[in-house]
Every structure is written in structure tokens, then in C-alpha cells.
Amino acid sequence: MIHTGGARFEVELKKRIAEEIERLKTNLVAGEAIKDYAQYQNYVGRLAALNLVIGEYFGDVQTTLNKD
């Protein structure tokens, strides 16, 4: 499969975001990296933001690009 520069960028970005989500989830579940409630909130917020980016924003961008 041949990817354009933009498609390759999208694939790599999604991959990196997914890896970061997994890293944050692992740290959150293990609890070793969480020292207080504020840090817990930070992890949960970062997870929510990354899930929003990978779950909704990528789809929205694809829809917009396909209209053009």
C-alpha cells in the first residue's frame, strides 16, 4: 500500500497517540506514578483529551477533507 505524505503522517500520529494512551492507562492503573488527587486528575484529563483527538477529531477532519 502506498501512502501519501499526509496519510503516512496521520498513521504515525495515530500510532503515537495510541501508545501514549496505553502508557497513561498503565501508569494510572499501576498507581505508582500517581502521588495525589491533582496528579490523578491530570492523568484522567490527558487520557480524555487524547481519546477525543483520536476518536472524534480525526474523523471530523477526514469528513471535512472528503467534502472538498
Protein backbone atom coordinates (compact mmCIF):
# COMPACT_ATOMS: atom_id res chain seq x y z
CA MET A 1 0.00 0.00 0.00
CA ILE A 2 1.37 3.39 -0.98
CA HIS A 3 0.72 6.29 1.40
CA THR A 4 1.00 9.94 0.61
CA GLY A 5 2.96 12.13 2.99
CA GLY A 6 -0.21 13.27 4.71
CA ALA A 7 -1.57 9.74 5.08
CA ARG A 8 1.73 8.49 6.49
CA PHE A 9 1.75 11.39 8.93
CA GLU A 10 -1.79 10.53 10.05
CA VAL A 11 -0.93 6.85 10.55
CA GLU A 12 2.18 7.68 12.58
CA LEU A 13 0.38 10.30 14.66
CA LYS A 14 -2.47 7.91 15.48
CA LYS A 15 0.09 5.27 16.42
CA ARG A 16 1.96 7.64 18.75
CA ILE A 17 -1.26 8.87 20.36
CA ALA A 18 -2.41 5.28 20.93
CA GLU A 19 0.95 4.45 22.52
CA GLU A 20 0.68 7.47 24.82
CA ILE A 21 -2.86 6.48 25.81
CA GLU A 22 -1.63 3.00 26.72
CA ARG A 23 1.29 4.43 28.70
CA LEU A 24 -1.01 6.75 30.66
CA LYS A 25 -3.51 3.96 31.33
CA THR A 26 -0.75 1.67 32.55
CA ASN A 27 0.58 4.34 34.91
CA LEU A 28 -2.92 5.14 36.11
CA VAL A 29 -3.77 1.51 36.83
CA ALA A 30 -0.43 0.77 38.49
CA GLY A 31 -0.84 3.83 40.68
CA GLU A 32 2.90 4.14 41.20
CA ALA A 33 3.16 7.39 39.23
CA ILE A 34 0.16 8.95 40.96
CA LYS A 35 1.11 10.74 44.14
CA ASP A 36 -2.02 12.82 44.82
CA TYR A 37 -5.51 13.60 43.55
CA ALA A 38 -4.32 16.52 41.41
CA GLN A 39 -1.94 14.24 39.54
CA TYR A 40 -4.73 11.68 39.12
CA GLN A 41 -6.94 14.39 37.62
CA ASN A 42 -4.10 15.38 35.29
CA TYR A 43 -3.76 11.80 34.01
CA VAL A 44 -7.52 11.41 33.54
CA GLY A 45 -7.72 14.74 31.72
CA ARG A 46 -4.86 13.85 29.41
CA LEU A 47 -6.48 10.49 28.63
CA ALA A 48 -9.80 12.15 27.89
CA ALA A 49 -8.17 14.70 25.60
CA LEU A 50 -6.16 12.12 23.67
CA ASN A 51 -9.20 9.86 23.29
CA LEU A 52 -11.16 12.84 21.95
CA VAL A 53 -8.43 13.61 19.43
CA ILE A 54 -8.10 10.06 18.18
CA GLY A 55 -11.80 9.23 18.40
CA GLU A 56 -13.55 12.32 17.11
CA TYR A 57 -11.20 14.89 15.69
CA PHE A 58 -9.52 12.57 13.20
CA GLY A 59 -12.94 11.53 11.91
CA ASP A 60 -14.12 15.13 11.70
CA VAL A 61 -11.04 16.13 9.73
CA GLN A 62 -11.47 13.20 7.34
CA THR A 63 -15.10 14.18 6.77
CA THR A 64 -14.10 17.77 6.06
CA LEU A 65 -11.34 16.72 3.65
CA ASN A 66 -13.64 14.32 1.82
CA LYS A 67 -16.14 17.14 1.18
CA ASP A 68 -13.52 19.12 -0.74
